Amino acid sequence: MLRRLVLKHGPLALLRSGGCRDGSLPLCLLASDLAPGPSDLLVGEIAGVPFHIDADQFHRWGAPKFLLDVANGAPEGFSLELPDAHFVTLSPYCPAQAA
């Protein structure tokens, strides 16, 4: 899905913010619209797309590992995603929510 979005929109960036509900839905925005802030930590890249999280939250959670996944349904908010699918992050702190 990221590769398709990069082909359509150009360079992108991902930001995981907040808690387990809305925060488990990472923002996927144009790289030019999502400049990392001073408290954002780069935790990796997926298909060449940088993935950031708030550094304090990352360290408070003990440097968790995340799984970026795709779920059915329209994206929420301003995130660039497909009309019928959106990104979610899964971690030990935010397991998959029952539908």
PDB file of N, CA and C in Angstrom:
ATOM      1  N   MET A   1       0.836  -1.189   0.000  1.00  0.00           N
ATOM      2  CA  MET A   1       0.000   0.000   0.000  1.00  0.00           C
ATOM      3  C   MET A   1       0.880   1.252   0.000  1.00  0.00           C
ATOM      4  N   LEU A   2       1.969   1.245   0.766  1.00  0.00           N
ATOM      5  CA  LEU A   2       2.854   2.415   0.773  1.00  0.00           C
ATOM      6  C   LEU A   2       3.447   2.659  -0.606  1.00  0.00           C
ATOM      7  N   ARG A   3       3.875   1.607  -1.270  1.00  0.00           N
ATOM      8  CA  ARG A   3       4.450   1.783  -2.608  1.00  0.00           C
ATOM      9  C   ARG A   3       3.430   2.401  -3.567  1.00  0.00           C
ATOM     10  N   ARG A   4       2.193   1.951  -3.498  1.00  0.00           N
ATOM     11  CA  ARG A   4       1.135   2.514  -4.353  1.00  0.00           C
ATOM     12  C   ARG A   4       0.916   3.991  -4.040  1.00  0.00           C
ATOM     13  N   LEU A   5       0.925   4.330  -2.748  1.00  0.00           N
ATOM     14  CA  LEU A   5       0.712   5.725  -2.359  1.00  0.00           C
ATOM     15  C   LEU A   5       1.888   6.613  -2.770  1.00  0.00           C
ATOM     16  N   VAL A   6       3.110   6.100  -2.670  1.00  0.00           N
ATOM     17  CA  VAL A   6       4.283   6.870  -3.105  1.00  0.00           C
ATOM     18  C   VAL A   6       4.218   7.119  -4.602  1.00  0.00           C
ATOM     19  N   LEU A   7       3.832   6.113  -5.377  1.00  0.00           N
ATOM     20  CA  LEU A   7       3.698   6.302  -6.830  1.00  0.00           C
ATOM     21  C   LEU A   7       2.656   7.369  -7.157  1.00  0.00           C
ATOM     22  N   LYS A   8       1.599   7.404  -6.386  1.00  0.00           N
ATOM     23  CA  LYS A   8       0.520   8.364  -6.636  1.00  0.00           C
ATOM     24  C   LYS A   8       0.847   9.773  -6.134  1.00  0.00           C
ATOM     25  N   HIS A   9       1.477   9.874  -4.940  1.00  0.00           N
ATOM     26  CA  HIS A   9       1.636  11.174  -4.285  1.00  0.00           C
ATOM     27  C   HIS A   9       3.066  11.694  -4.194  1.00  0.00           C
ATOM     28  N   GLY A  10       4.055  10.824  -4.346  1.00  0.00           N
ATOM     29  CA  GLY A  10       5.440  11.235  -4.149  1.00  0.00           C
ATOM     30  C   GLY A  10       5.905  10.873  -2.751  1.00  0.00           C
ATOM     31  N   PRO A  11       6.998  11.482  -2.274  1.00  0.00           N
ATOM     32  CA  PRO A  11       7.568  11.135  -0.967  1.00  0.00           C
ATOM     33  C   PRO A  11       6.569  11.312   0.179  1.00  0.00           C
ATOM     34  N   LEU A  12       6.547  10.313   1.057  1.00  0.00           N
ATOM     35  CA  LEU A  12       5.611  10.295   2.181  1.00  0.00           C
ATOM     36  C   LEU A  12       6.361  10.164   3.499  1.00  0.00           C
ATOM     37  N   ALA A  13       5.646  10.358   4.598  1.00  0.00           N
ATOM     38  CA  ALA A  13       6.172  10.139   5.938  1.00  0.00           C
ATOM     39  C   ALA A  13       5.038   9.597   6.807  1.00  0.00           C
ATOM     40  N   LEU A  14       5.394   8.758   7.787  1.00  0.00           N
ATOM     41  CA  LEU A  14       4.439   8.187   8.736  1.00  0.00           C
ATOM     42  C   LEU A  14       4.743   8.711  10.128  1.00  0.00           C
ATOM     43  N   LEU A  15       3.689   9.005  10.895  1.00  0.00           N
ATOM     44  CA  LEU A  15       3.834   9.445  12.276  1.00  0.00           C
ATOM     45  C   LEU A  15       2.833   8.694  13.133  1.00  0.00           C
ATOM     46  N   ARG A  16       3.341   8.017  14.152  1.00  0.00           N
ATOM     47  CA  ARG A  16       2.466   7.355  15.121  1.00  0.00           C
ATOM     48  C   ARG A  16       2.399   8.251  16.346  1.00  0.00           C
ATOM     49  N   SER A  17       1.204   8.673  16.670  1.00  0.00           N
ATOM     50  CA  SER A  17       1.038   9.582  17.800  1.00  0.00           C
ATOM     51  C   SER A  17      -0.060   9.071  18.706  1.00  0.00           C
ATOM     52  N   GLY A  18      -0.161   9.654  19.879  1.00  0.00           N
ATOM     53  CA  GLY A  18      -1.275   9.368  20.770  1.00  0.00           C
ATOM     54  C   GLY A  18      -1.229   8.007  21.415  1.00  0.00           C
ATOM     55  N   GLY A  19      -2.408   7.544  21.818  1.00  0.00           N
ATOM     56  CA  GLY A  19      -2.541   6.296  22.560  1.00  0.00           C
ATOM     57  C   GLY A  19      -2.920   5.127  21.686  1.00  0.00           C
ATOM     58  N   CYS A  20      -3.735   4.242  22.221  1.00  0.00           N
ATOM     59  CA  CYS A  20      -4.042   2.997  21.530  1.00  0.00           C
ATOM     60  C   CYS A  20      -5.205   3.102  20.554  1.00  0.00           C
ATOM     61  N   ARG A  21      -6.128   3.938  20.787  1.00  0.00           N
ATOM     62  CA  ARG A  21      -7.267   4.029  19.867  1.00  0.00           C
ATOM     63  C   ARG A  21      -6.868   4.820  18.629  1.00  0.00           C
ATOM     64  N   ASP A  22      -7.108   6.112  18.595  1.00  0.00           N
ATOM     65  CA  ASP A  22      -6.780   6.916  17.425  1.00  0.00           C
ATOM     66  C   ASP A  22      -5.288   6.917  17.152  1.00  0.00           C
ATOM     67  N   GLY A  23      -4.463   6.819  18.185  1.00  0.00           N
ATOM     68  CA  GLY A  23      -3.028   6.830  18.004  1.00  0.00           C
ATOM     69  C   GLY A  23      -2.492   5.587  17.337  1.00  0.00           C
ATOM     70  N   SER A  24      -3.284   4.508  17.301  1.00  0.00           N
ATOM     71  CA  SER A  24      -2.830   3.310  16.616  1.00  0.00           C
ATOM     72  C   SER A  24      -3.038   3.439  15.112  1.00  0.00           C
ATOM     73  N   LEU A  25      -3.665   4.518  14.704  1.00  0.00           N
ATOM     74  CA  LEU A  25      -3.833   4.811  13.282  1.00  0.00           C
ATOM     75  C   LEU A  25      -2.776   5.842  12.904  1.00  0.00           C
ATOM     76  N   PRO A  26      -1.658   5.386  12.368  1.00  0.00           N
ATOM     77  CA  PRO A  26      -0.593   6.337  12.055  1.00  0.00           C
ATOM     78  C   PRO A  26      -1.009   7.284  10.941  1.00  0.00           C
ATOM     79  N   LEU A  27      -0.518   8.492  11.021  1.00  0.00           N
ATOM     80  CA  LEU A  27      -0.749   9.455   9.950  1.00  0.00           C
ATOM     81  C   LEU A  27       0.223   9.160   8.822  1.00  0.00           C
ATOM     82  N   CYS A  28      -0.280   9.134   7.615  1.00  0.00           N
ATOM     83  CA  CYS A  28       0.533   8.996   6.411  1.00  0.00           C
ATOM     84  C   CYS A  28       0.294  10.263   5.604  1.00  0.00           C
ATOM     85  N   LEU A  29       1.321  11.102   5.527  1.00  0.00           N
ATOM     86  CA  LEU A  29       1.189  12.392   4.866  1.00  0.00           C
ATOM     87  C   LEU A  29       2.327  12.605   3.876  1.00  0.00           C
ATOM     88  N   LEU A  30       2.165  13.606   3.030  1.00  0.00           N
ATOM     89  CA  LEU A  30       3.267  13.999   2.165  1.00  0.00           C
ATOM     90  C   LEU A  30       4.455  14.368   3.040  1.00  0.00           C
ATOM     91  N   ALA A  31       5.633  13.947   2.657  1.00  0.00           N
ATOM     92  CA  ALA A  31       6.828  14.247   3.450  1.00  0.00           C
ATOM     93  C   ALA A  31       6.974  15.750   3.658  1.00  0.00           C
ATOM     94  N   SER A  32       6.603  16.530   2.658  1.00  0.00           N
ATOM     95  CA  SER A  32       6.720  17.984   2.782  1.00  0.00           C
ATOM     96  C   SER A  32       5.713  18.566   3.768  1.00  0.00           C
ATOM     97  N   ASP A  33       4.645  17.832   4.083  1.00  0.00           N
ATOM     98  CA  ASP A  33       3.629  18.289   5.038  1.00  0.00           C
ATOM     99  C   ASP A  33       3.873  17.770   6.450  1.00  0.00           C
ATOM    100  N   LEU A  34       4.840  16.883   6.613  1.00  0.00           N
ATOM    101  CA  LEU A  34       5.070  16.272   7.914  1.00  0.00           C
ATOM    102  C   LEU A  34       6.554  16.338   8.258  1.00  0.00           C
ATOM    103  N   ALA A  35       7.012  17.545   8.484  1.00  0.00           N
ATOM    104  CA  ALA A  35       8.401  17.714   8.913  1.00  0.00           C
ATOM    105  C   ALA A  35       8.513  17.239  10.354  1.00  0.00           C
ATOM    106  N   PRO A  36       9.484  16.366  10.661  1.00  0.00           N
ATOM    107  CA  PRO A  36       9.620  15.892  12.039  1.00  0.00           C
ATOM    108  C   PRO A  36       9.881  17.048  12.991  1.00  0.00           C
ATOM    109  N   GLY A  37       9.233  16.991  14.151  1.00  0.00           N
ATOM    110  CA  GLY A  37       9.448  17.997  15.180  1.00  0.00           C
ATOM    111  C   GLY A  37      10.642  17.635  16.044  1.00  0.00           C
ATOM    112  N   PRO A  38      11.031  18.532  16.941  1.00  0.00           N
ATOM    113  CA  PRO A  38      12.204  18.283  17.784  1.00  0.00           C
ATOM    114  C   PRO A  38      12.025  17.089  18.721  1.00  0.00           C
ATOM    115  N   SER A  39      10.791  16.699  19.018  1.00  0.00           N
ATOM    116  CA  SER A  39      10.575  15.556  19.920  1.00  0.00           C
ATOM    117  C   SER A  39      10.222  14.272  19.167  1.00  0.00           C
ATOM    118  N   ASP A  40      10.258  14.301  17.835  1.00  0.00           N
ATOM    119  CA  ASP A  40       9.950  13.104  17.052  1.00  0.00           C
ATOM    120  C   ASP A  40      11.202  12.266  16.839  1.00  0.00           C
ATOM    121  N   LEU A  41      11.043  10.956  16.978  1.00  0.00           N
ATOM    122  CA  LEU A  41      12.137  10.007  16.842  1.00  0.00           C
ATOM    123  C   LEU A  41      11.902   9.139  15.613  1.00  0.00           C
ATOM    124  N   LEU A  42      12.887   9.046  14.744  1.00  0.00           N
ATOM    125  CA  LEU A  42      12.813   8.152  13.597  1.00  0.00           C
ATOM    126  C   LEU A  42      13.078   6.737  14.088  1.00  0.00           C
ATOM    127  N   VAL A  43      12.082   5.840  13.962  1.00  0.00           N
ATOM    128  CA  VAL A  43      12.257   4.469  14.433  1.00  0.00           C
ATOM    129  C   VAL A  43      12.502   3.487  13.295  1.00  0.00           C
ATOM    130  N   GLY A  44      12.383   3.954  12.058  1.00  0.00           N
ATOM    131  CA  GLY A  44      12.650   3.076  10.930  1.00  0.00           C
ATOM    132  C   GLY A  44      12.070   3.619   9.654  1.00  0.00           C
ATOM    133  N   GLU A  45      12.235   2.841   8.609  1.00  0.00           N
ATOM    134  CA  GLU A  45      11.668   3.154   7.301  1.00  0.00           C
ATOM    135  C   GLU A  45      10.965   1.917   6.771  1.00  0.00           C
ATOM    136  N   ILE A  46       9.879   2.139   6.080  1.00  0.00           N
ATOM    137  CA  ILE A  46       9.118   1.068   5.462  1.00  0.00           C
ATOM    138  C   ILE A  46       8.930   1.458   4.000  1.00  0.00           C
ATOM    139  N   ALA A  47       9.461   0.653   3.103  1.00  0.00           N
ATOM    140  CA  ALA A  47       9.397   0.946   1.668  1.00  0.00           C
ATOM    141  C   ALA A  47       9.951   2.342   1.378  1.00  0.00           C
ATOM    142  N   GLY A  48      10.995   2.730   2.127  1.00  0.00           N
ATOM    143  CA  GLY A  48      11.613   4.036   1.939  1.00  0.00           C
ATOM    144  C   GLY A  48      10.881   5.194   2.585  1.00  0.00           C
ATOM    145  N   VAL A  49       9.806   4.906   3.303  1.00  0.00           N
ATOM    146  CA  VAL A  49       9.008   5.946   3.969  1.00  0.00           C
ATOM    147  C   VAL A  49       9.412   5.999   5.444  1.00  0.00           C
ATOM    148  N   PRO A  50       9.876   7.163   5.932  1.00  0.00           N
ATOM    149  CA  PRO A  50      10.276   7.260   7.338  1.00  0.00           C
ATOM    150  C   PRO A  50       9.075   7.126   8.275  1.00  0.00           C
ATOM    151  N   PHE A  51       9.316   6.461   9.421  1.00  0.00           N
ATOM    152  CA  PHE A  51       8.290   6.218  10.434  1.00  0.00           C
ATOM    153  C   PHE A  51       8.764   6.854  11.735  1.00  0.00           C
ATOM    154  N   HIS A  52       8.018   7.842  12.234  1.00  0.00           N
ATOM    155  CA  HIS A  52       8.381   8.584  13.442  1.00  0.00           C
ATOM    156  C   HIS A  52       7.374   8.337  14.560  1.00  0.00           C
ATOM    157  N   ILE A  53       7.849   8.538  15.790  1.00  0.00           N
ATOM    158  CA  ILE A  53       6.996   8.500  16.975  1.00  0.00           C
ATOM    159  C   ILE A  53       7.549   9.541  17.945  1.00  0.00           C
ATOM    160  N   ASP A  54       6.718  10.024  18.839  1.00  0.00           N
ATOM    161  CA  ASP A  54       7.184  10.941  19.869  1.00  0.00           C
ATOM    162  C   ASP A  54       8.235  10.231  20.722  1.00  0.00           C
ATOM    163  N   ALA A  55       9.400  10.831  20.884  1.00  0.00           N
ATOM    164  CA  ALA A  55      10.529  10.198  21.581  1.00  0.00           C
ATOM    165  C   ALA A  55      10.181   9.868  23.032  1.00  0.00           C
ATOM    166  N   ASP A  56       9.502  10.776  23.735  1.00  0.00           N
ATOM    167  CA  ASP A  56       9.143  10.517  25.135  1.00  0.00           C
ATOM    168  C   ASP A  56       8.240   9.295  25.251  1.00  0.00           C
ATOM    169  N   GLN A  57       7.246   9.210  24.364  1.00  0.00           N
ATOM    170  CA  GLN A  57       6.333   8.071  24.389  1.00  0.00           C
ATOM    171  C   GLN A  57       7.097   6.778  24.075  1.00  0.00           C
ATOM    172  N   PHE A  58       7.967   6.824  23.100  1.00  0.00           N
ATOM    173  CA  PHE A  58       8.748   5.648  22.716  1.00  0.00           C
ATOM    174  C   PHE A  58       9.568   5.135  23.898  1.00  0.00           C
ATOM    175  N   HIS A  59      10.250   6.022  24.583  1.00  0.00           N
ATOM    176  CA  HIS A  59      11.080   5.611  25.717  1.00  0.00           C
ATOM    177  C   HIS A  59      10.238   5.198  26.925  1.00  0.00           C
ATOM    178  N   ARG A  60       9.115   5.875  27.134  1.00  0.00           N
ATOM    179  CA  ARG A  60       8.220   5.532  28.246  1.00  0.00           C
ATOM    180  C   ARG A  60       7.680   4.107  28.075  1.00  0.00           C
ATOM    181  N   TRP A  61       7.441   3.718  26.823  1.00  0.00           N
ATOM    182  CA  TRP A  61       6.931   2.373  26.537  1.00  0.00           C
ATOM    183  C   TRP A  61       8.050   1.334  26.478  1.00  0.00           C
ATOM    184  N   GLY A  62       9.286   1.733  26.703  1.00  0.00           N
ATOM    185  CA  GLY A  62      10.383   0.773  26.712  1.00  0.00           C
ATOM    186  C   GLY A  62      10.860   0.371  25.333  1.00  0.00           C
ATOM    187  N   ALA A  63      10.865   1.306  24.385  1.00  0.00           N
ATOM    188  CA  ALA A  63      11.334   1.061  23.013  1.00  0.00           C
ATOM    189  C   ALA A  63      10.594  -0.109  22.357  1.00  0.00           C
ATOM    190  N   PRO A  64       9.269  -0.023  22.251  1.00  0.00           N
ATOM    191  CA  PRO A  64       8.499  -1.137  21.692  1.00  0.00           C
ATOM    192  C   PRO A  64       8.739  -1.322  20.197  1.00  0.00           C
ATOM    193  N   LYS A  65       8.448  -2.501  19.730  1.00  0.00           N
ATOM    194  CA  LYS A  65       8.451  -2.781  18.293  1.00  0.00           C
ATOM    195  C   LYS A  65       7.006  -2.647  17.824  1.00  0.00           C
ATOM    196  N   PHE A  66       6.847  -2.147  16.605  1.00  0.00           N
ATOM    197  CA  PHE A  66       5.521  -1.973  16.032  1.00  0.00           C
ATOM    198  C   PHE A  66       5.392  -2.804  14.772  1.00  0.00           C
ATOM    199  N   LEU A  67       4.189  -3.234  14.501  1.00  0.00           N
ATOM    200  CA  LEU A  67       3.852  -3.881  13.243  1.00  0.00           C
ATOM    201  C   LEU A  67       2.908  -2.945  12.506  1.00  0.00           C
ATOM    202  N   LEU A  68       3.318  -2.493  11.329  1.00  0.00           N
ATOM    203  CA  LEU A  68       2.437  -1.674  10.504  1.00  0.00           C
ATOM    204  C   LEU A  68       1.599  -2.622   9.672  1.00  0.00           C
ATOM    205  N   ASP A  69       0.294  -2.465   9.757  1.00  0.00           N
ATOM    206  CA  ASP A  69      -0.625  -3.350   9.052  1.00  0.00           C
ATOM    207  C   ASP A  69      -1.638  -2.505   8.295  1.00  0.00           C
ATOM    208  N   VAL A  70      -2.430  -3.163   7.491  1.00  0.00           N
ATOM    209  CA  VAL A  70      -3.481  -2.512   6.720  1.00  0.00           C
ATOM    210  C   VAL A  70      -4.810  -3.136   7.128  1.00  0.00           C
ATOM    211  N   ALA A  71      -5.812  -2.297   7.385  1.00  0.00           N
ATOM    212  CA  ALA A  71      -7.140  -2.762   7.768  1.00  0.00           C
ATOM    213  C   ALA A  71      -8.161  -2.281   6.747  1.00  0.00           C
ATOM    214  N   ASN A  72      -9.238  -3.013   6.633  1.00  0.00           N
ATOM    215  CA  ASN A  72     -10.330  -2.620   5.748  1.00  0.00           C
ATOM    216  C   ASN A  72     -11.038  -1.403   6.297  1.00  0.00           C
ATOM    217  N   GLY A  73     -11.592  -0.628   5.411  1.00  0.00           N
ATOM    218  CA  GLY A  73     -12.358   0.547   5.811  1.00  0.00           C
ATOM    219  C   GLY A  73     -11.672   1.833   5.401  1.00  0.00           C
ATOM    220  N   ALA A  74     -12.459   2.853   5.258  1.00  0.00           N
ATOM    221  CA  ALA A  74     -11.946   4.154   4.834  1.00  0.00           C
ATOM    222  C   ALA A  74     -11.009   4.740   5.883  1.00  0.00           C
ATOM    223  N   PRO A  75     -10.015   5.510   5.441  1.00  0.00           N
ATOM    224  CA  PRO A  75      -9.121   6.166   6.399  1.00  0.00           C
ATOM    225  C   PRO A  75      -9.867   7.245   7.177  1.00  0.00           C
ATOM    226  N   GLU A  76      -9.323   7.569   8.348  1.00  0.00           N
ATOM    227  CA  GLU A  76      -9.895   8.624   9.171  1.00  0.00           C
ATOM    228  C   GLU A  76      -8.979   9.829   9.147  1.00  0.00           C
ATOM    229  N   GLY A  77      -9.534  10.995   9.281  1.00  0.00           N
ATOM    230  CA  GLY A  77      -8.723  12.203   9.367  1.00  0.00           C
ATOM    231  C   GLY A  77      -8.080  12.576   8.043  1.00  0.00           C
ATOM    232  N   PHE A  78      -6.862  13.101   8.145  1.00  0.00           N
ATOM    233  CA  PHE A  78      -6.182  13.657   6.981  1.00  0.00           C
ATOM    234  C   PHE A  78      -5.165  12.706   6.367  1.00  0.00           C
ATOM    235  N   SER A  79      -5.111  11.481   6.823  1.00  0.00           N
ATOM    236  CA  SER A  79      -4.114  10.533   6.366  1.00  0.00           C
ATOM    237  C   SER A  79      -4.353  10.147   4.906  1.00  0.00           C
ATOM    238  N   LEU A  80      -3.247  10.064   4.139  1.00  0.00           N
ATOM    239  CA  LEU A  80      -3.322   9.633   2.743  1.00  0.00           C
ATOM    240  C   LEU A  80      -3.350   8.109   2.714  1.00  0.00           C
ATOM    241  N   GLU A  81      -4.464   7.564   2.334  1.00  0.00           N
ATOM    242  CA  GLU A  81      -4.572   6.113   2.271  1.00  0.00           C
ATOM    243  C   GLU A  81      -5.520   5.764   1.138  1.00  0.00           C
ATOM    244  N   LEU A  82      -5.759   4.501   0.934  1.00  0.00           N
ATOM    245  CA  LEU A  82      -6.675   4.087  -0.115  1.00  0.00           C
ATOM    246  C   LEU A  82      -8.109   4.290   0.350  1.00  0.00           C
ATOM    247  N   PRO A  83      -9.049   4.471  -0.579  1.00  0.00           N
ATOM    248  CA  PRO A  83     -10.438   4.739  -0.172  1.00  0.00           C
ATOM    249  C   PRO A  83     -11.063   3.637   0.677  1.00  0.00           C
ATOM    250  N   ASP A  84     -10.562   2.400   0.523  1.00  0.00           N
ATOM    251  CA  ASP A  84     -11.167   1.272   1.233  1.00  0.00           C
ATOM    252  C   ASP A  84     -10.215   0.575   2.194  1.00  0.00           C
ATOM    253  N   ALA A  85      -9.082   1.225   2.525  1.00  0.00           N
ATOM    254  CA  ALA A  85      -8.116   0.615   3.444  1.00  0.00           C
ATOM    255  C   ALA A  85      -7.337   1.705   4.163  1.00  0.00           C
ATOM    256  N   HIS A  86      -6.879   1.385   5.365  1.00  0.00           N
ATOM    257  CA  HIS A  86      -6.100   2.355   6.144  1.00  0.00           C
ATOM    258  C   HIS A  86      -5.026   1.614   6.948  1.00  0.00           C
ATOM    259  N   PHE A  87      -4.008   2.350   7.362  1.00  0.00           N
ATOM    260  CA  PHE A  87      -2.930   1.791   8.155  1.00  0.00           C
ATOM    261  C   PHE A  87      -3.325   1.713   9.623  1.00  0.00           C
ATOM    262  N   VAL A  88      -2.816   0.696  10.305  1.00  0.00           N
ATOM    263  CA  VAL A  88      -2.904   0.583  11.755  1.00  0.00           C
ATOM    264  C   VAL A  88      -1.531   0.115  12.245  1.00  0.00           C
ATOM    265  N   THR A  89      -1.197   0.453  13.479  1.00  0.00           N
ATOM    266  CA  THR A  89       0.008  -0.098  14.086  1.00  0.00           C
ATOM    267  C   THR A  89      -0.411  -0.987  15.240  1.00  0.00           C
ATOM    268  N   LEU A  90       0.267  -2.096  15.346  1.00  0.00           N
ATOM    269  CA  LEU A  90       0.020  -3.045  16.425  1.00  0.00           C
ATOM    270  C   LEU A  90       1.286  -3.141  17.257  1.00  0.00           C
ATOM    271  N   SER A  91       1.125  -3.252  18.549  1.00  0.00           N
ATOM    272  CA  SER A  91       2.244  -3.401  19.466  1.00  0.00           C
ATOM    273  C   SER A  91       1.726  -4.101  20.705  1.00  0.00           C
ATOM    274  N   PRO A  92       2.623  -4.519  21.601  1.00  0.00           N
ATOM    275  CA  PRO A  92       2.151  -5.121  22.853  1.00  0.00           C
ATOM    276  C   PRO A  92       1.255  -4.172  23.651  1.00  0.00           C
ATOM    277  N   TYR A  93       1.443  -2.853  23.470  1.00  0.00           N
ATOM    278  CA  TYR A  93       0.638  -1.881  24.212  1.00  0.00           C
ATOM    279  C   TYR A  93      -0.702  -1.603  23.549  1.00  0.00           C
ATOM    280  N   CYS A  94      -0.797  -1.893  22.257  1.00  0.00           N
ATOM    281  CA  CYS A  94      -2.027  -1.623  21.512  1.00  0.00           C
ATOM    282  C   CYS A  94      -2.354  -2.820  20.640  1.00  0.00           C
ATOM    283  N   PRO A  95      -2.883  -3.888  21.229  1.00  0.00           N
ATOM    284  CA  PRO A  95      -3.226  -5.061  20.424  1.00  0.00           C
ATOM    285  C   PRO A  95      -4.396  -4.752  19.501  1.00  0.00           C
ATOM    286  N   ALA A  96      -4.645  -5.634  18.558  1.00  0.00           N
ATOM    287  CA  ALA A  96      -5.754  -5.452  17.628  1.00  0.00           C
ATOM    288  C   ALA A  96      -7.066  -5.305  18.404  1.00  0.00           C
ATOM    289  N   GLN A  97      -7.879  -4.364  17.985  1.00  0.00           N
ATOM    290  CA  GLN A  97      -9.166  -4.121  18.629  1.00  0.00           C
ATOM    291  C   GLN A  97     -10.216  -5.058  18.026  1.00  0.00           C
ATOM    292  N   ALA A  98     -11.086  -5.579  18.837  1.00  0.00           N
ATOM    293  CA  ALA A  98     -12.162  -6.419  18.337  1.00  0.00           C
ATOM    294  C   ALA A  98     -13.119  -5.561  17.538  1.00  0.00           C
ATOM    295  N   ALA A  99     -13.568  -6.072  16.416  1.00  0.00           N
ATOM    296  CA  ALA A  99     -14.480  -5.299  15.539  1.00  0.00           C
ATOM    297  C   ALA A  99     -15.891  -5.342  16.057  1.00  0.00           C
TER     298      ALA A  99
END
